Amino acid sequence: MKTLKNKKGMGTVEIVIIIAVLVGLALLFRDGIMSYGRNVMQFCFDSSKVINAFGQ
């Protein structure tokens, strides 16, 4: 009996499953991701916080 071996790397189905899982996680943690993004943007565009963080 021959064993089937895929030597071509990842197939389309595996990539679609990975993308679906990533999208599902993004939707599940949407509020946390948005909050984190807002905090990062607020920190980056507030000059006084950046200067204080790097110790001038």
N, C-alpha and C. Protein backbone atom coordinates (compact mmCIF):
# COMPACT_ATOMS: atom_id res chain seq x y z
N MET A 1 0.84 -1.18 0.00
CA MET A 1 0.00 0.00 0.00
C MET A 1 0.89 1.24 0.00
N LYS A 2 0.62 2.14 -0.90
CA LYS A 2 1.41 3.36 -1.01
C LYS A 2 0.89 4.42 -0.04
N THR A 3 1.81 5.17 0.51
CA THR A 3 1.39 6.28 1.35
C THR A 3 1.43 7.55 0.52
N LEU A 4 0.46 8.40 0.73
CA LEU A 4 0.39 9.65 0.00
C LEU A 4 1.21 10.70 0.72
N LYS A 5 2.06 11.35 -0.01
CA LYS A 5 2.87 12.42 0.58
C LYS A 5 2.71 13.67 -0.26
N ASN A 6 2.43 14.75 0.42
CA ASN A 6 2.30 16.03 -0.26
C ASN A 6 3.62 16.77 -0.10
N LYS A 7 4.34 16.93 -1.19
CA LYS A 7 5.64 17.59 -1.13
C LYS A 7 5.57 19.03 -1.64
N LYS A 8 4.38 19.54 -1.85
CA LYS A 8 4.23 20.87 -2.41
C LYS A 8 4.07 21.94 -1.34
N GLY A 9 4.11 21.62 -0.10
CA GLY A 9 3.94 22.61 0.95
C GLY A 9 2.48 22.76 1.33
N MET A 10 2.14 23.93 1.85
CA MET A 10 0.77 24.14 2.29
C MET A 10 -0.15 24.31 1.09
N GLY A 11 -1.32 23.74 1.22
CA GLY A 11 -2.31 23.86 0.17
C GLY A 11 -3.29 24.98 0.46
N THR A 12 -4.19 25.16 -0.47
CA THR A 12 -5.17 26.23 -0.36
C THR A 12 -6.07 26.05 0.85
N VAL A 13 -6.46 24.82 1.14
CA VAL A 13 -7.36 24.57 2.26
C VAL A 13 -6.72 24.98 3.58
N GLU A 14 -5.46 24.66 3.76
CA GLU A 14 -4.79 25.02 5.00
C GLU A 14 -4.70 26.54 5.16
N ILE A 15 -4.40 27.24 4.08
CA ILE A 15 -4.31 28.70 4.13
C ILE A 15 -5.68 29.31 4.45
N VAL A 16 -6.73 28.79 3.85
CA VAL A 16 -8.09 29.29 4.11
C VAL A 16 -8.47 29.05 5.56
N ILE A 17 -8.12 27.91 6.11
CA ILE A 17 -8.42 27.62 7.52
C ILE A 17 -7.66 28.56 8.44
N ILE A 18 -6.39 28.82 8.15
CA ILE A 18 -5.60 29.74 8.98
C ILE A 18 -6.19 31.14 8.93
N ILE A 19 -6.57 31.60 7.75
CA ILE A 19 -7.17 32.93 7.62
C ILE A 19 -8.49 33.00 8.37
N ALA A 20 -9.30 31.95 8.28
CA ALA A 20 -10.59 31.93 8.98
C ALA A 20 -10.39 31.99 10.49
N VAL A 21 -9.39 31.28 11.00
CA VAL A 21 -9.11 31.31 12.44
C VAL A 21 -8.65 32.70 12.86
N LEU A 22 -7.78 33.32 12.08
CA LEU A 22 -7.30 34.67 12.41
C LEU A 22 -8.43 35.68 12.39
N VAL A 23 -9.31 35.61 11.41
CA VAL A 23 -10.46 36.52 11.34
C VAL A 23 -11.38 36.28 12.52
N GLY A 24 -11.60 35.02 12.87
CA GLY A 24 -12.44 34.71 14.03
C GLY A 24 -11.86 35.27 15.32
N LEU A 25 -10.56 35.13 15.51
CA LEU A 25 -9.91 35.69 16.70
C LEU A 25 -10.00 37.21 16.72
N ALA A 26 -9.82 37.83 15.55
CA ALA A 26 -9.93 39.29 15.48
C ALA A 26 -11.33 39.75 15.84
N LEU A 27 -12.34 39.03 15.37
CA LEU A 27 -13.72 39.40 15.72
C LEU A 27 -14.02 39.14 17.19
N LEU A 28 -13.47 38.09 17.73
CA LEU A 28 -13.71 37.74 19.13
C LEU A 28 -13.10 38.77 20.07
N PHE A 29 -11.89 39.22 19.74
CA PHE A 29 -11.19 40.17 20.60
C PHE A 29 -11.18 41.58 20.02
N ARG A 30 -12.20 41.90 19.23
CA ARG A 30 -12.27 43.18 18.54
C ARG A 30 -12.18 44.37 19.50
N ASP A 31 -12.93 44.34 20.58
CA ASP A 31 -12.92 45.46 21.52
C ASP A 31 -11.55 45.66 22.15
N GLY A 32 -10.91 44.58 22.54
CA GLY A 32 -9.58 44.68 23.14
C GLY A 32 -8.55 45.18 22.15
N ILE A 33 -8.63 44.71 20.91
CA ILE A 33 -7.69 45.15 19.88
C ILE A 33 -7.89 46.63 19.57
N MET A 34 -9.15 47.06 19.48
CA MET A 34 -9.42 48.48 19.21
C MET A 34 -8.94 49.35 20.35
N SER A 35 -9.17 48.91 21.57
CA SER A 35 -8.72 49.67 22.74
C SER A 35 -7.21 49.78 22.78
N TYR A 36 -6.53 48.69 22.50
CA TYR A 36 -5.07 48.69 22.48
C TYR A 36 -4.55 49.63 21.38
N GLY A 37 -5.16 49.57 20.21
CA GLY A 37 -4.76 50.43 19.11
C GLY A 37 -4.96 51.90 19.45
N ARG A 38 -6.08 52.22 20.08
CA ARG A 38 -6.33 53.61 20.48
C ARG A 38 -5.29 54.08 21.49
N ASN A 39 -4.96 53.23 22.45
CA ASN A 39 -3.96 53.60 23.46
C ASN A 39 -2.59 53.82 22.83
N VAL A 40 -2.21 52.98 21.89
CA VAL A 40 -0.91 53.13 21.22
C VAL A 40 -0.89 54.43 20.42
N MET A 41 -1.95 54.69 19.66
CA MET A 41 -2.01 55.92 18.86
C MET A 41 -2.01 57.15 19.75
N GLN A 42 -2.75 57.08 20.84
CA GLN A 42 -2.80 58.22 21.75
C GLN A 42 -1.42 58.48 22.36
N PHE A 43 -0.72 57.42 22.71
CA PHE A 43 0.62 57.56 23.27
C PHE A 43 1.59 58.13 22.23
N CYS A 44 1.52 57.60 21.02
CA CYS A 44 2.47 58.02 19.98
C CYS A 44 2.29 59.47 19.55
N PHE A 45 1.07 59.95 19.54
CA PHE A 45 0.82 61.30 19.06
C PHE A 45 0.75 62.33 20.18
N ASP A 46 1.01 61.93 21.41
CA ASP A 46 1.07 62.86 22.53
C ASP A 46 2.55 63.10 22.84
N SER A 47 3.06 64.24 22.41
CA SER A 47 4.49 64.54 22.48
C SER A 47 5.04 64.45 23.89
N SER A 48 4.29 64.95 24.87
CA SER A 48 4.81 64.99 26.24
C SER A 48 5.03 63.58 26.78
N LYS A 49 4.15 62.66 26.47
CA LYS A 49 4.31 61.28 26.94
C LYS A 49 5.51 60.61 26.30
N VAL A 50 5.72 60.85 25.03
CA VAL A 50 6.84 60.24 24.33
C VAL A 50 8.15 60.78 24.87
N ILE A 51 8.23 62.09 25.07
CA ILE A 51 9.45 62.71 25.59
C ILE A 51 9.74 62.20 26.99
N ASN A 52 8.71 62.09 27.83
CA ASN A 52 8.91 61.58 29.20
C ASN A 52 9.30 60.11 29.20
N ALA A 53 8.78 59.33 28.29
CA ALA A 53 9.08 57.90 28.24
C ALA A 53 10.54 57.66 27.86
N PHE A 54 11.08 58.48 26.97
CA PHE A 54 12.45 58.31 26.54
C PHE A 54 13.45 59.09 27.39
N GLY A 55 12.95 59.81 28.36
CA GLY A 55 13.82 60.52 29.28
C GLY A 55 14.57 61.69 28.65
N GLN A 56 14.06 62.14 27.57
CA GLN A 56 14.63 63.28 26.82
C GLN A 56 16.07 63.08 26.67
